[in-house]
Amino acid sequence: MVSKRSTISQDLKNNNMWKVYKHNGQYIMGELISSHKSESAAIKKAEKKIKFKFTKKEKKKNEIRIWLDDEKHMPVGIIVHKLKGT
């Protein structure tokens, strides 16, 4: 049986996690807040840590991005998920 800890570290190596980033004043992906196995968990964490009003989800060929914008539609964070096999 594989331990939970080794499974999580393997997911991080494969980039199969939803990663929540906060704008640090210079870069949108400036500060890594957390990593999650599901999109809903990542959004819940972003709601707690980042004050955003709008979201926009876009899918590229190898990743999914969810942009987090404030009330003036300025980006304050992003959630990134690399798709498997890329």
C-alpha atoms as a PDB file:
ATOM      1  CA  MET A   1       0.000   0.000   0.000  1.00  0.00           C
ATOM      2  CA  VAL A   2       1.262   3.474  -0.910  1.00  0.00           C
ATOM      3  CA  SER A   3       1.310   6.055   1.857  1.00  0.00           C
ATOM      4  CA  LYS A   4      -0.720   9.241   1.521  1.00  0.00           C
ATOM      5  CA  ARG A   5       2.432  11.350   1.858  1.00  0.00           C
ATOM      6  CA  SER A   6       4.157   9.693  -1.124  1.00  0.00           C
ATOM      7  CA  THR A   7       0.983  10.059  -3.213  1.00  0.00           C
ATOM      8  CA  ILE A   8       0.861  13.802  -2.538  1.00  0.00           C
ATOM      9  CA  SER A   9       4.547  14.273  -3.334  1.00  0.00           C
ATOM     10  CA  GLN A  10       4.087  12.322  -6.568  1.00  0.00           C
ATOM     11  CA  ASP A  11       1.140  14.559  -7.539  1.00  0.00           C
ATOM     12  CA  LEU A  12       3.306  17.629  -6.932  1.00  0.00           C
ATOM     13  CA  LYS A  13       6.046  16.202  -9.148  1.00  0.00           C
ATOM     14  CA  ASN A  14       3.510  15.511 -11.922  1.00  0.00           C
ATOM     15  CA  ASN A  15       1.898  18.966 -11.574  1.00  0.00           C
ATOM     16  CA  ASN A  16      -1.573  17.390 -11.297  1.00  0.00           C
ATOM     17  CA  MET A  17      -2.549  19.858  -8.605  1.00  0.00           C
ATOM     18  CA  TRP A  18      -4.611  23.038  -8.696  1.00  0.00           C
ATOM     19  CA  LYS A  19      -2.215  25.789  -7.535  1.00  0.00           C
ATOM     20  CA  VAL A  20      -3.439  29.080  -6.072  1.00  0.00           C
ATOM     21  CA  TYR A  21      -1.200  32.119  -6.609  1.00  0.00           C
ATOM     22  CA  LYS A  22      -1.562  35.648  -5.219  1.00  0.00           C
ATOM     23  CA  HIS A  23      -0.341  38.839  -6.904  1.00  0.00           C
ATOM     24  CA  ASN A  24       2.723  40.122  -5.019  1.00  0.00           C
ATOM     25  CA  GLY A  25       2.794  43.644  -6.456  1.00  0.00           C
ATOM     26  CA  GLN A  26       4.948  42.699  -9.433  1.00  0.00           C
ATOM     27  CA  TYR A  27       3.816  39.283 -10.720  1.00  0.00           C
ATOM     28  CA  ILE A  28       0.379  37.649 -10.888  1.00  0.00           C
ATOM     29  CA  MET A  29       1.960  34.307  -9.979  1.00  0.00           C
ATOM     30  CA  GLY A  30       4.083  35.971  -7.322  1.00  0.00           C
ATOM     31  CA  GLU A  31       3.203  34.072  -4.152  1.00  0.00           C
ATOM     32  CA  LEU A  32       2.111  30.420  -4.050  1.00  0.00           C
ATOM     33  CA  ILE A  33      -0.727  30.220  -1.522  1.00  0.00           C
ATOM     34  CA  SER A  34      -1.578  26.508  -1.715  1.00  0.00           C
ATOM     35  CA  SER A  35      -1.994  23.378  -3.858  1.00  0.00           C
ATOM     36  CA  HIS A  36      -5.156  21.267  -4.020  1.00  0.00           C
ATOM     37  CA  LYS A  37      -6.406  18.090  -5.651  1.00  0.00           C
ATOM     38  CA  SER A  38      -9.728  19.639  -6.728  1.00  0.00           C
ATOM     39  CA  GLU A  39     -10.828  22.863  -8.368  1.00  0.00           C
ATOM     40  CA  SER A  40     -13.472  23.535  -5.731  1.00  0.00           C
ATOM     41  CA  ALA A  41     -10.945  23.274  -2.887  1.00  0.00           C
ATOM     42  CA  ALA A  42      -8.626  25.691  -4.690  1.00  0.00           C
ATOM     43  CA  ILE A  43     -11.431  28.212  -5.178  1.00  0.00           C
ATOM     44  CA  LYS A  44     -12.469  27.964  -1.506  1.00  0.00           C
ATOM     45  CA  LYS A  45      -8.892  28.655  -0.406  1.00  0.00           C
ATOM     46  CA  ALA A  46      -8.636  31.593  -2.817  1.00  0.00           C
ATOM     47  CA  GLU A  47     -11.863  33.053  -1.394  1.00  0.00           C
ATOM     48  CA  LYS A  48     -10.326  32.975   2.086  1.00  0.00           C
ATOM     49  CA  LYS A  49      -6.884  34.363   1.177  1.00  0.00           C
ATOM     50  CA  ILE A  50      -7.497  36.668  -1.812  1.00  0.00           C
ATOM     51  CA  LYS A  51     -10.140  39.380  -2.090  1.00  0.00           C
ATOM     52  CA  PHE A  52     -11.553  38.965  -5.585  1.00  0.00           C
ATOM     53  CA  LYS A  53     -14.915  39.739  -7.145  1.00  0.00           C
ATOM     54  CA  PHE A  54     -14.763  38.178 -10.625  1.00  0.00           C
ATOM     55  CA  THR A  55     -13.370  34.990 -12.139  1.00  0.00           C
ATOM     56  CA  LYS A  56     -12.634  34.019 -15.712  1.00  0.00           C
ATOM     57  CA  LYS A  57     -11.784  30.452 -16.658  1.00  0.00           C
ATOM     58  CA  GLU A  58      -9.739  29.767 -19.774  1.00  0.00           C
ATOM     59  CA  LYS A  59      -8.464  26.490 -21.139  1.00  0.00           C
ATOM     60  CA  LYS A  60      -5.269  26.281 -23.155  1.00  0.00           C
ATOM     61  CA  LYS A  61      -4.006  23.090 -24.766  1.00  0.00           C
ATOM     62  CA  ASN A  62      -1.931  22.069 -21.737  1.00  0.00           C
ATOM     63  CA  GLU A  63      -3.404  23.937 -18.758  1.00  0.00           C
ATOM     64  CA  ILE A  64      -6.496  25.486 -17.207  1.00  0.00           C
ATOM     65  CA  ARG A  65      -6.267  28.994 -15.735  1.00  0.00           C
ATOM     66  CA  ILE A  66      -8.816  30.712 -13.518  1.00  0.00           C
ATOM     67  CA  TRP A  67      -8.104  34.445 -13.327  1.00  0.00           C
ATOM     68  CA  LEU A  68      -9.124  36.189 -10.095  1.00  0.00           C
ATOM     69  CA  ASP A  69      -9.973  39.889 -10.544  1.00  0.00           C
ATOM     70  CA  ASP A  70     -10.968  42.647  -8.117  1.00  0.00           C
ATOM     71  CA  GLU A  71     -13.955  44.997  -8.514  1.00  0.00           C
ATOM     72  CA  LYS A  72     -12.009  47.102 -11.052  1.00  0.00           C
ATOM     73  CA  HIS A  73     -11.243  43.952 -13.100  1.00  0.00           C
ATOM     74  CA  MET A  74      -7.560  44.128 -12.169  1.00  0.00           C
ATOM     75  CA  PRO A  75      -5.941  40.691 -11.673  1.00  0.00           C
ATOM     76  CA  VAL A  76      -5.182  39.871  -8.033  1.00  0.00           C
ATOM     77  CA  GLY A  77      -4.448  36.165  -8.406  1.00  0.00           C
ATOM     78  CA  ILE A  78      -4.676  33.047 -10.523  1.00  0.00           C
ATOM     79  CA  ILE A  79      -5.416  29.351 -10.125  1.00  0.00           C
ATOM     80  CA  VAL A  80      -3.421  27.096 -12.467  1.00  0.00           C
ATOM     81  CA  HIS A  81      -3.884  23.412 -13.296  1.00  0.00           C
ATOM     82  CA  LYS A  82      -1.548  21.571 -15.663  1.00  0.00           C
ATOM     83  CA  LEU A  83      -3.370  18.909 -17.651  1.00  0.00           C
ATOM     84  CA  LYS A  84      -2.130  15.324 -17.581  1.00  0.00           C
ATOM     85  CA  GLY A  85       0.066  14.056 -20.366  1.00  0.00           C
ATOM     86  CA  THR A  86       1.567  17.438 -21.234  1.00  0.00           C
END
